Amino acid sequence: MDVNKFQHASSSGNTAEAIQQAFIIQTLNSNTKLNDKVIRDLSGNEILLSDAIGGKSLLLIRFSELNCNECITYILNKIRRLSVQKGYSDKIILLATYKEVRNLKILIKDMQLTFPVYLIDGLNIPCEEINYPYCFVSDSSLLANQVFIPDRSESKMTNLYFDLIEIKYFTTKIQNAIN
């Protein structure tokens, strides 16, 4: 994946380029089988990724202290809306890479997030190379689906992504119609 090309499209504010990049990200990353690795909660307790996800579809938010702070804050503010306004705290997991766990705890506290947070070294998904926070949906199959990199300059596209995730995975009426 051409990291520089993504950064250019992201900062250009060009909607057509952003849509093209979203399509590329989705195509290259979807259906990636995640390794079932050990992750740790903020207290140091270890758990397998599959056990943290359980049997239901969850939205996973992946970020690192190496990502830009504004990008991290942007995505966390967006998902906080799903939690505060819609009550979806039990459908979202944060996967973070931080050398200083204290810094992550401060971020979580300052943003008043109530999601489960796990420390992870990385995932075997091409998105890891981009150095931006990203999100995806997974379930007990550990397949990464609906992979998306929120772009601060394309707020409408980011809102649409989260709205579609809500409709497809979180709304009981839609889930019953699918099943």
N, C-alpha and C. Protein backbone atom coordinates (compact mmCIF):
# COMPACT_ATOMS: atom_id res chain seq x y z
N MET A 1 0.85 -1.16 0.00
CA MET A 1 0.00 0.00 0.00
C MET A 1 0.90 1.23 0.00
N ASP A 2 0.60 2.21 -0.81
CA ASP A 2 1.41 3.40 -0.92
C ASP A 2 1.02 4.39 0.18
N VAL A 3 1.81 4.40 1.24
CA VAL A 3 1.51 5.24 2.40
C VAL A 3 1.49 6.71 2.03
N ASN A 4 2.45 7.16 1.24
CA ASN A 4 2.51 8.58 0.87
C ASN A 4 1.29 8.99 0.07
N LYS A 5 0.81 8.11 -0.78
CA LYS A 5 -0.38 8.43 -1.58
C LYS A 5 -1.58 8.63 -0.67
N PHE A 6 -1.71 7.78 0.36
CA PHE A 6 -2.84 7.95 1.28
C PHE A 6 -2.73 9.27 2.02
N GLN A 7 -1.55 9.62 2.50
CA GLN A 7 -1.38 10.86 3.24
C GLN A 7 -1.71 12.05 2.35
N HIS A 8 -1.32 11.99 1.10
CA HIS A 8 -1.60 13.09 0.18
C HIS A 8 -3.12 13.24 -0.02
N ALA A 9 -3.79 12.12 -0.27
CA ALA A 9 -5.25 12.18 -0.48
C ALA A 9 -5.94 12.65 0.79
N SER A 10 -5.46 12.21 1.92
CA SER A 10 -6.09 12.58 3.19
C SER A 10 -6.00 14.07 3.45
N SER A 11 -4.86 14.67 3.13
CA SER A 11 -4.68 16.08 3.45
C SER A 11 -5.16 17.00 2.34
N SER A 12 -5.52 16.44 1.19
CA SER A 12 -5.90 17.29 0.06
C SER A 12 -7.29 17.88 0.18
N GLY A 13 -8.16 17.21 0.96
CA GLY A 13 -9.54 17.66 1.06
C GLY A 13 -10.35 17.33 -0.19
N ASN A 14 -9.81 16.53 -1.07
CA ASN A 14 -10.46 16.14 -2.31
C ASN A 14 -11.34 14.92 -2.05
N THR A 15 -12.63 15.08 -2.12
CA THR A 15 -13.56 14.01 -1.81
C THR A 15 -13.39 12.81 -2.73
N ALA A 16 -13.18 13.04 -4.01
CA ALA A 16 -13.00 11.94 -4.96
C ALA A 16 -11.78 11.10 -4.59
N GLU A 17 -10.69 11.76 -4.22
CA GLU A 17 -9.49 11.03 -3.81
C GLU A 17 -9.73 10.28 -2.51
N ALA A 18 -10.45 10.89 -1.59
CA ALA A 18 -10.76 10.24 -0.32
C ALA A 18 -11.61 8.99 -0.54
N ILE A 19 -12.58 9.08 -1.44
CA ILE A 19 -13.43 7.91 -1.75
C ILE A 19 -12.59 6.82 -2.40
N GLN A 20 -11.72 7.20 -3.31
CA GLN A 20 -10.83 6.22 -3.95
C GLN A 20 -9.96 5.53 -2.90
N GLN A 21 -9.39 6.29 -1.99
CA GLN A 21 -8.55 5.71 -0.96
C GLN A 21 -9.36 4.79 -0.04
N ALA A 22 -10.57 5.18 0.31
CA ALA A 22 -11.42 4.33 1.14
C ALA A 22 -11.70 3.01 0.44
N PHE A 23 -11.94 3.07 -0.85
CA PHE A 23 -12.17 1.85 -1.63
C PHE A 23 -10.93 0.96 -1.63
N ILE A 24 -9.76 1.56 -1.82
CA ILE A 24 -8.51 0.79 -1.82
C ILE A 24 -8.28 0.14 -0.46
N ILE A 25 -8.46 0.92 0.60
CA ILE A 25 -8.28 0.40 1.97
C ILE A 25 -9.21 -0.77 2.21
N GLN A 26 -10.48 -0.60 1.86
CA GLN A 26 -11.47 -1.65 2.07
C GLN A 26 -11.09 -2.91 1.29
N THR A 27 -10.70 -2.74 0.04
CA THR A 27 -10.39 -3.88 -0.82
C THR A 27 -9.15 -4.63 -0.33
N LEU A 28 -8.12 -3.92 0.07
CA LEU A 28 -6.87 -4.56 0.49
C LEU A 28 -6.94 -5.19 1.87
N ASN A 29 -7.84 -4.72 2.72
CA ASN A 29 -7.86 -5.16 4.11
C ASN A 29 -9.03 -6.06 4.49
N SER A 30 -10.12 -5.98 3.77
CA SER A 30 -11.29 -6.77 4.16
C SER A 30 -11.03 -8.26 4.04
N ASN A 31 -11.66 -8.98 4.94
CA ASN A 31 -11.54 -10.43 5.03
C ASN A 31 -10.15 -10.90 5.41
N THR A 32 -9.35 -10.04 5.98
CA THR A 32 -8.06 -10.45 6.53
C THR A 32 -8.34 -11.22 7.81
N LYS A 33 -7.81 -12.42 7.89
CA LYS A 33 -7.96 -13.24 9.09
C LYS A 33 -6.95 -12.75 10.13
N LEU A 34 -7.44 -12.25 11.24
CA LEU A 34 -6.57 -11.74 12.29
C LEU A 34 -5.97 -12.89 13.09
N ASN A 35 -4.73 -12.73 13.50
CA ASN A 35 -4.12 -13.71 14.40
C ASN A 35 -4.79 -13.59 15.76
N ASP A 36 -5.07 -14.73 16.36
CA ASP A 36 -5.70 -14.73 17.68
C ASP A 36 -4.60 -14.59 18.73
N LYS A 37 -4.19 -13.35 18.94
CA LYS A 37 -3.06 -13.11 19.82
C LYS A 37 -3.50 -12.68 21.20
N VAL A 38 -2.57 -12.75 22.12
CA VAL A 38 -2.82 -12.31 23.50
C VAL A 38 -2.78 -10.79 23.54
N ILE A 39 -3.81 -10.22 24.15
CA ILE A 39 -3.87 -8.78 24.38
C ILE A 39 -4.01 -8.57 25.88
N ARG A 40 -3.76 -7.34 26.35
CA ARG A 40 -3.84 -7.05 27.78
C ARG A 40 -4.76 -5.87 28.04
N ASP A 41 -5.54 -5.98 29.11
CA ASP A 41 -6.35 -4.82 29.49
C ASP A 41 -5.44 -3.83 30.23
N LEU A 42 -5.97 -2.71 30.63
CA LEU A 42 -5.15 -1.68 31.24
C LEU A 42 -4.66 -2.03 32.64
N SER A 43 -5.16 -3.13 33.19
CA SER A 43 -4.67 -3.61 34.48
C SER A 43 -3.60 -4.67 34.31
N GLY A 44 -3.33 -5.05 33.06
CA GLY A 44 -2.31 -6.05 32.78
C GLY A 44 -2.83 -7.46 32.63
N ASN A 45 -4.14 -7.66 32.76
CA ASN A 45 -4.72 -8.99 32.60
C ASN A 45 -4.69 -9.39 31.13
N GLU A 46 -4.25 -10.62 30.87
CA GLU A 46 -4.15 -11.10 29.49
C GLU A 46 -5.40 -11.86 29.08
N ILE A 47 -5.74 -11.71 27.80
CA ILE A 47 -6.91 -12.37 27.22
C ILE A 47 -6.63 -12.54 25.73
N LEU A 48 -7.20 -13.56 25.15
CA LEU A 48 -7.07 -13.73 23.70
C LEU A 48 -7.98 -12.74 22.99
N LEU A 49 -7.55 -12.28 21.84
CA LEU A 49 -8.37 -11.36 21.05
C LEU A 49 -9.75 -11.96 20.80
N SER A 50 -9.81 -13.24 20.47
CA SER A 50 -11.11 -13.89 20.20
C SER A 50 -12.02 -13.87 21.43
N ASP A 51 -11.44 -14.00 22.61
CA ASP A 51 -12.25 -13.95 23.83
C ASP A 51 -12.75 -12.53 24.11
N ALA A 52 -11.95 -11.54 23.78
CA ALA A 52 -12.39 -10.15 23.97
C ALA A 52 -13.54 -9.82 23.03
N ILE A 53 -13.48 -10.34 21.81
CA ILE A 53 -14.55 -10.09 20.85
C ILE A 53 -15.78 -10.91 21.17
N GLY A 54 -15.58 -12.14 21.56
CA GLY A 54 -16.71 -13.02 21.87
C GLY A 54 -17.43 -13.44 20.60
N GLY A 55 -18.70 -13.74 20.70
CA GLY A 55 -19.45 -14.26 19.57
C GLY A 55 -20.22 -13.23 18.76
N LYS A 56 -20.13 -11.96 19.15
CA LYS A 56 -20.94 -10.95 18.46
C LYS A 56 -20.05 -10.06 17.58
N SER A 57 -20.67 -9.37 16.66
CA SER A 57 -19.94 -8.41 15.82
C SER A 57 -19.64 -7.17 16.64
N LEU A 58 -18.39 -6.78 16.64
CA LEU A 58 -17.96 -5.58 17.36
C LEU A 58 -17.20 -4.65 16.44
N LEU A 59 -17.27 -3.38 16.75
CA LEU A 59 -16.47 -2.37 16.07
C LEU A 59 -15.16 -2.24 16.84
N LEU A 60 -14.05 -2.48 16.16
CA LEU A 60 -12.74 -2.36 16.78
C LEU A 60 -12.06 -1.10 16.27
N ILE A 61 -11.55 -0.32 17.20
CA ILE A 61 -10.85 0.90 16.88
C ILE A 61 -9.38 0.67 17.20
N ARG A 62 -8.54 0.80 16.18
CA ARG A 62 -7.11 0.53 16.33
C ARG A 62 -6.33 1.83 16.21
N PHE A 63 -5.51 2.12 17.23
CA PHE A 63 -4.68 3.32 17.18
C PHE A 63 -3.41 3.10 17.99
N SER A 64 -2.47 4.00 17.79
CA SER A 64 -1.17 3.90 18.44
C SER A 64 -0.73 5.28 18.88
N GLU A 65 0.12 5.31 19.89
CA GLU A 65 0.66 6.59 20.33
C GLU A 65 1.50 7.24 19.23
N LEU A 66 1.87 6.49 18.21
CA LEU A 66 2.64 7.04 17.09
C LEU A 66 1.76 7.74 16.07
N ASN A 67 0.44 7.54 16.13
CA ASN A 67 -0.48 8.25 15.25
C ASN A 67 -0.58 9.70 15.73
N CYS A 68 -0.99 10.58 14.83
CA CYS A 68 -1.12 11.99 15.25
C CYS A 68 -2.22 12.09 16.31
N ASN A 69 -1.97 12.95 17.28
CA ASN A 69 -2.92 13.11 18.39
C ASN A 69 -4.28 13.59 17.90
N GLU A 70 -4.30 14.50 16.94
CA GLU A 70 -5.58 14.99 16.41
C GLU A 70 -6.37 13.87 15.75
N CYS A 71 -5.68 12.95 15.06
CA CYS A 71 -6.36 11.83 14.41
C CYS A 71 -6.96 10.88 15.44
N ILE A 72 -6.22 10.63 16.51
CA ILE A 72 -6.73 9.76 17.57
C ILE A 72 -7.94 10.41 18.23
N THR A 73 -7.82 11.67 18.59
CA THR A 73 -8.92 12.38 19.23
C THR A 73 -10.15 12.42 18.33
N TYR A 74 -9.92 12.62 17.05
CA TYR A 74 -11.03 12.68 16.09
C TYR A 74 -11.83 11.38 16.10
N ILE A 75 -11.16 10.25 15.95
CA ILE A 75 -11.89 8.97 15.89
C ILE A 75 -12.52 8.64 17.24
N LEU A 76 -11.83 8.93 18.33
CA LEU A 76 -12.41 8.62 19.64
C LEU A 76 -13.62 9.49 19.94
N ASN A 77 -13.62 10.73 19.49
CA ASN A 77 -14.80 11.58 19.65
C ASN A 77 -15.97 11.04 18.83
N LYS A 78 -15.68 10.55 17.63
CA LYS A 78 -16.74 10.00 16.78
C LYS A 78 -17.38 8.77 17.43
N ILE A 79 -16.57 7.88 17.97
CA ILE A 79 -17.16 6.67 18.56
C ILE A 79 -17.79 6.95 19.91
N ARG A 80 -17.33 7.99 20.58
CA ARG A 80 -17.97 8.35 21.85
C ARG A 80 -19.43 8.70 21.61
N ARG A 81 -19.73 9.30 20.45
CA ARG A 81 -21.11 9.62 20.08
C ARG A 81 -21.96 8.34 20.05
N LEU A 82 -21.39 7.27 19.50
CA LEU A 82 -22.12 6.00 19.46
C LEU A 82 -22.39 5.48 20.87
N SER A 83 -21.49 5.77 21.77
CA SER A 83 -21.65 5.30 23.14
C SER A 83 -22.61 6.18 23.92
N VAL A 84 -22.36 7.48 23.93
CA VAL A 84 -23.13 8.40 24.76
C VAL A 84 -24.55 8.56 24.23
N GLN A 85 -24.69 8.84 22.95
CA GLN A 85 -26.00 9.12 22.38
C GLN A 85 -26.80 7.87 22.08
N LYS A 86 -26.13 6.78 21.78
CA LYS A 86 -26.84 5.60 21.30
C LYS A 86 -26.70 4.37 22.20
N GLY A 87 -25.80 4.43 23.19
CA GLY A 87 -25.66 3.33 24.14
C GLY A 87 -24.95 2.10 23.60
N TYR A 88 -23.95 2.28 22.76
CA TYR A 88 -23.26 1.15 22.14
C TYR A 88 -21.90 0.84 22.76
N SER A 89 -21.70 1.16 24.01
CA SER A 89 -20.41 0.90 24.66
C SER A 89 -20.02 -0.57 24.62
N ASP A 90 -21.01 -1.45 24.66
CA ASP A 90 -20.74 -2.89 24.67
C ASP A 90 -20.46 -3.45 23.28
N LYS A 91 -20.47 -2.60 22.27
CA LYS A 91 -20.26 -3.06 20.89
C LYS A 91 -18.97 -2.51 20.29
N ILE A 92 -18.15 -1.88 21.13
CA ILE A 92 -16.93 -1.24 20.66
C ILE A 92 -15.76 -1.66 21.56
N ILE A 93 -14.63 -1.96 20.93
CA ILE A 93 -13.40 -2.28 21.65
C ILE A 93 -12.30 -1.40 21.09
N LEU A 94 -11.46 -0.88 21.98
CA LEU A 94 -10.30 -0.11 21.56
C LEU A 94 -9.06 -0.99 21.66
N LEU A 95 -8.27 -1.01 20.60
CA LEU A 95 -7.00 -1.74 20.58
C LEU A 95 -5.90 -0.71 20.38
N ALA A 96 -5.03 -0.56 21.37
CA ALA A 96 -4.05 0.51 21.34
C ALA A 96 -2.63 -0.02 21.55
N THR A 97 -1.69 0.70 20.99
CA THR A 97 -0.27 0.42 21.22
C THR A 97 0.32 1.65 21.90
N TYR A 98 0.71 1.47 23.15
CA TYR A 98 1.33 2.55 23.94
C TYR A 98 2.44 1.95 24.78
N LYS A 99 3.62 2.55 24.72
CA LYS A 99 4.71 2.10 25.60
C LYS A 99 4.43 2.51 27.02
N GLU A 100 3.91 3.72 27.18
CA GLU A 100 3.57 4.24 28.51
C GLU A 100 2.06 4.10 28.70
N VAL A 101 1.64 3.07 29.39
CA VAL A 101 0.22 2.80 29.61
C VAL A 101 -0.43 3.98 30.34
N ARG A 102 0.32 4.66 31.15
CA ARG A 102 -0.20 5.82 31.88
C ARG A 102 -0.76 6.86 30.91
N ASN A 103 -0.06 7.10 29.81
CA ASN A 103 -0.53 8.08 28.82
C ASN A 103 -1.87 7.66 28.21
N LEU A 104 -2.02 6.37 27.96
CA LEU A 104 -3.28 5.86 27.42
C LEU A 104 -4.40 6.01 28.45
N LYS A 105 -4.11 5.70 29.68
CA LYS A 105 -5.11 5.83 30.75
C LYS A 105 -5.57 7.29 30.89
N ILE A 106 -4.64 8.23 30.77
CA ILE A 106 -4.99 9.64 30.85
C ILE A 106 -5.90 10.02 29.69
N LEU A 107 -5.55 9.57 28.48
CA LEU A 107 -6.38 9.84 27.31
C LEU A 107 -7.80 9.31 27.49
N ILE A 108 -7.91 8.08 27.94
CA ILE A 108 -9.22 7.44 28.13
C ILE A 108 -10.03 8.21 29.19
N LYS A 109 -9.37 8.58 30.27
CA LYS A 109 -10.05 9.31 31.34
C LYS A 109 -10.48 10.70 30.87
N ASP A 110 -9.56 11.42 30.23
CA ASP A 110 -9.87 12.78 29.76
C ASP A 110 -11.02 12.80 28.76
N MET A 111 -11.09 11.76 27.94
CA MET A 111 -12.15 11.71 26.92
C MET A 111 -13.42 11.04 27.45
N GLN A 112 -13.37 10.58 28.70
CA GLN A 112 -14.51 9.95 29.36
C GLN A 112 -15.05 8.77 28.53
N LEU A 113 -14.14 7.89 28.11
CA LEU A 113 -14.53 6.72 27.32
C LEU A 113 -14.82 5.55 28.23
N THR A 114 -15.83 4.79 27.88
CA THR A 114 -16.25 3.66 28.71
C THR A 114 -16.08 2.32 28.00
N PHE A 115 -15.37 2.31 26.89
CA PHE A 115 -15.18 1.08 26.12
C PHE A 115 -14.09 0.22 26.74
N PRO A 116 -14.16 -1.09 26.50
CA PRO A 116 -13.01 -1.91 26.88
C PRO A 116 -11.79 -1.48 26.06
N VAL A 117 -10.65 -1.37 26.73
CA VAL A 117 -9.41 -0.95 26.08
C VAL A 117 -8.38 -2.04 26.30
N TYR A 118 -7.74 -2.44 25.20
CA TYR A 118 -6.72 -3.48 25.28
C TYR A 118 -5.44 -3.00 24.62
N LEU A 119 -4.34 -3.41 25.21
CA LEU A 119 -3.03 -3.14 24.63
C LEU A 119 -2.67 -4.27 23.68
N ILE A 120 -2.14 -3.90 22.53
CA ILE A 120 -1.78 -4.88 21.51
C ILE A 120 -0.52 -4.38 20.80
N ASP A 121 0.33 -5.31 20.41
CA ASP A 121 1.57 -4.91 19.72
C ASP A 121 1.29 -4.52 18.28
N GLY A 122 0.31 -5.11 17.69
CA GLY A 122 -0.02 -4.82 16.30
C GLY A 122 -0.92 -5.93 15.77
N LEU A 123 -1.43 -5.71 14.59
CA LEU A 123 -2.29 -6.71 13.95
C LEU A 123 -1.70 -7.06 12.58
N ASN A 124 -2.02 -8.23 12.11
CA ASN A 124 -1.55 -8.68 10.79
C ASN A 124 -2.52 -8.23 9.70
N ILE A 125 -2.61 -6.93 9.55
CA ILE A 125 -3.52 -6.35 8.57
C ILE A 125 -2.76 -5.22 7.86
N PRO A 126 -2.90 -5.10 6.55
CA PRO A 126 -2.14 -4.08 5.82
C PRO A 126 -2.31 -2.66 6.35
N CYS A 127 -3.45 -2.34 6.96
CA CYS A 127 -3.68 -0.99 7.50
C CYS A 127 -2.62 -0.58 8.52
N GLU A 128 -2.00 -1.53 9.16
CA GLU A 128 -0.99 -1.22 10.17
C GLU A 128 0.13 -0.36 9.61
N GLU A 129 0.39 -0.46 8.32
CA GLU A 129 1.50 0.25 7.69
C GLU A 129 1.22 1.74 7.50
N ILE A 130 0.00 2.15 7.56
CA ILE A 130 -0.37 3.51 7.18
C ILE A 130 -0.08 4.53 8.27
N ASN A 131 -0.08 4.11 9.51
CA ASN A 131 0.20 4.99 10.64
C ASN A 131 -0.90 6.02 10.87
N TYR A 132 -2.13 5.58 10.67
CA TYR A 132 -3.32 6.35 11.01
C TYR A 132 -4.23 5.44 11.84
N PRO A 133 -5.02 6.00 12.73
CA PRO A 133 -6.03 5.18 13.40
C PRO A 133 -7.00 4.62 12.35
N TYR A 134 -7.48 3.42 12.59
CA TYR A 134 -8.46 2.84 11.68
C TYR A 134 -9.44 2.01 12.47
N CYS A 135 -10.51 1.62 11.82
CA CYS A 135 -11.53 0.82 12.48
C CYS A 135 -12.02 -0.27 11.54
N PHE A 136 -12.59 -1.29 12.14
CA PHE A 136 -13.14 -2.40 11.37
C PHE A 136 -14.09 -3.18 12.26
N VAL A 137 -14.86 -4.03 11.64
CA VAL A 137 -15.78 -4.88 12.36
C VAL A 137 -15.24 -6.30 12.33
N SER A 138 -15.36 -7.00 13.44
CA SER A 138 -14.98 -8.41 13.48
C SER A 138 -15.90 -9.14 14.44
N ASP A 139 -15.86 -10.46 14.34
CA ASP A 139 -16.64 -11.31 15.22
C ASP A 139 -15.82 -12.55 15.54
N SER A 140 -16.45 -13.64 15.95
CA SER A 140 -15.72 -14.83 16.35
C SER A 140 -14.88 -15.43 15.22
N SER A 141 -15.18 -15.08 13.98
CA SER A 141 -14.38 -15.57 12.85
C SER A 141 -13.01 -14.90 12.79
N LEU A 142 -12.86 -13.78 13.48
CA LEU A 142 -11.65 -12.96 13.48
C LEU A 142 -11.30 -12.43 12.09
N LEU A 143 -12.30 -12.25 11.25
CA LEU A 143 -12.09 -11.62 9.96
C LEU A 143 -12.30 -10.12 10.13
N ALA A 144 -11.39 -9.33 9.58
CA ALA A 144 -11.53 -7.87 9.60
C ALA A 144 -12.42 -7.48 8.43
N ASN A 145 -13.54 -6.86 8.72
CA ASN A 145 -14.48 -6.41 7.69
C ASN A 145 -14.81 -4.94 7.89
N GLN A 146 -15.33 -4.33 6.83
CA GLN A 146 -15.73 -2.92 6.88
C GLN A 146 -14.57 -2.05 7.36
N VAL A 147 -13.38 -2.30 6.86
CA VAL A 147 -12.19 -1.56 7.27
C VAL A 147 -12.28 -0.12 6.76
N PHE A 148 -11.96 0.82 7.65
CA PHE A 148 -12.12 2.23 7.31
C PHE A 148 -11.09 3.06 8.08
N ILE A 149 -10.53 4.05 7.39
CA ILE A 149 -9.64 5.01 8.04
C ILE A 149 -10.34 6.36 8.04
N PRO A 150 -10.80 6.80 9.20
CA PRO A 150 -11.48 8.10 9.27
C PRO A 150 -10.54 9.23 8.85
N ASP A 151 -11.11 10.18 8.15
CA ASP A 151 -10.35 11.30 7.65
C ASP A 151 -11.00 12.58 8.18
N ARG A 152 -10.24 13.36 8.94
CA ARG A 152 -10.77 14.58 9.53
C ARG A 152 -11.29 15.57 8.49
N SER A 153 -10.70 15.52 7.30
CA SER A 153 -11.14 16.47 6.27
C SER A 153 -12.39 15.98 5.53
N GLU A 154 -12.80 14.77 5.80
CA GLU A 154 -14.00 14.19 5.16
C GLU A 154 -14.96 13.73 6.25
N SER A 155 -15.41 14.66 7.05
CA SER A 155 -16.27 14.34 8.19
C SER A 155 -17.57 13.66 7.77
N LYS A 156 -18.15 14.08 6.64
CA LYS A 156 -19.41 13.47 6.18
C LYS A 156 -19.21 11.99 5.87
N MET A 157 -18.08 11.65 5.26
CA MET A 157 -17.82 10.26 4.93
C MET A 157 -17.62 9.43 6.21
N THR A 158 -16.95 10.01 7.19
CA THR A 158 -16.75 9.33 8.47
C THR A 158 -18.08 9.12 9.18
N ASN A 159 -18.92 10.14 9.21
CA ASN A 159 -20.25 10.00 9.83
C ASN A 159 -21.07 8.94 9.11
N LEU A 160 -21.00 8.92 7.80
CA LEU A 160 -21.73 7.91 7.02
C LEU A 160 -21.24 6.51 7.36
N TYR A 161 -19.93 6.34 7.48
CA TYR A 161 -19.38 5.02 7.85
C TYR A 161 -19.98 4.55 9.17
N PHE A 162 -19.91 5.39 10.20
CA PHE A 162 -20.43 4.98 11.51
C PHE A 162 -21.94 4.79 11.49
N ASP A 163 -22.66 5.57 10.72
CA ASP A 163 -24.11 5.36 10.57
C ASP A 163 -24.39 4.00 9.94
N LEU A 164 -23.64 3.65 8.91
CA LEU A 164 -23.85 2.36 8.24
C LEU A 164 -23.47 1.19 9.14
N ILE A 165 -22.40 1.34 9.90
CA ILE A 165 -22.01 0.29 10.86
C ILE A 165 -23.12 0.11 11.88
N GLU A 166 -23.66 1.21 12.36
CA GLU A 166 -24.76 1.14 13.33
C GLU A 166 -25.95 0.39 12.73
N ILE A 167 -26.33 0.74 11.52
CA ILE A 167 -27.48 0.10 10.88
C ILE A 167 -27.23 -1.38 10.63
N LYS A 168 -26.06 -1.70 10.13
CA LYS A 168 -25.77 -3.09 9.74
C LYS A 168 -25.51 -4.00 10.94
N TYR A 169 -24.83 -3.49 11.96
CA TYR A 169 -24.39 -4.37 13.03
C TYR A 169 -25.02 -4.13 14.39
N PHE A 170 -25.51 -2.93 14.67
CA PHE A 170 -25.95 -2.60 16.01
C PHE A 170 -27.45 -2.53 16.17
N THR A 171 -28.18 -2.30 15.10
CA THR A 171 -29.62 -2.12 15.18
C THR A 171 -30.31 -3.48 15.11
N THR A 172 -31.06 -3.81 16.13
CA THR A 172 -31.70 -5.12 16.23
C THR A 172 -32.66 -5.37 15.07
N LYS A 173 -33.43 -4.37 14.70
CA LYS A 173 -34.41 -4.55 13.62
C LYS A 173 -33.72 -4.99 12.33
N ILE A 174 -32.59 -4.37 11.98
CA ILE A 174 -31.87 -4.72 10.78
C ILE A 174 -31.23 -6.09 10.94
N GLN A 175 -30.63 -6.37 12.10
CA GLN A 175 -30.00 -7.68 12.32
C GLN A 175 -31.03 -8.80 12.19
N ASN A 176 -32.22 -8.61 12.71
CA ASN A 176 -33.27 -9.63 12.61
C ASN A 176 -33.67 -9.84 11.15
N ALA A 177 -33.70 -8.78 10.38
CA ALA A 177 -34.07 -8.90 8.97
C ALA A 177 -33.00 -9.65 8.19
N ILE A 178 -31.72 -9.47 8.58
CA ILE A 178 -30.62 -10.15 7.91
C ILE A 178 -30.62 -11.63 8.23
N ASN A 179 -30.89 -11.94 9.51
CA ASN A 179 -30.80 -13.36 9.95
C ASN A 179 -31.98 -14.12 9.55
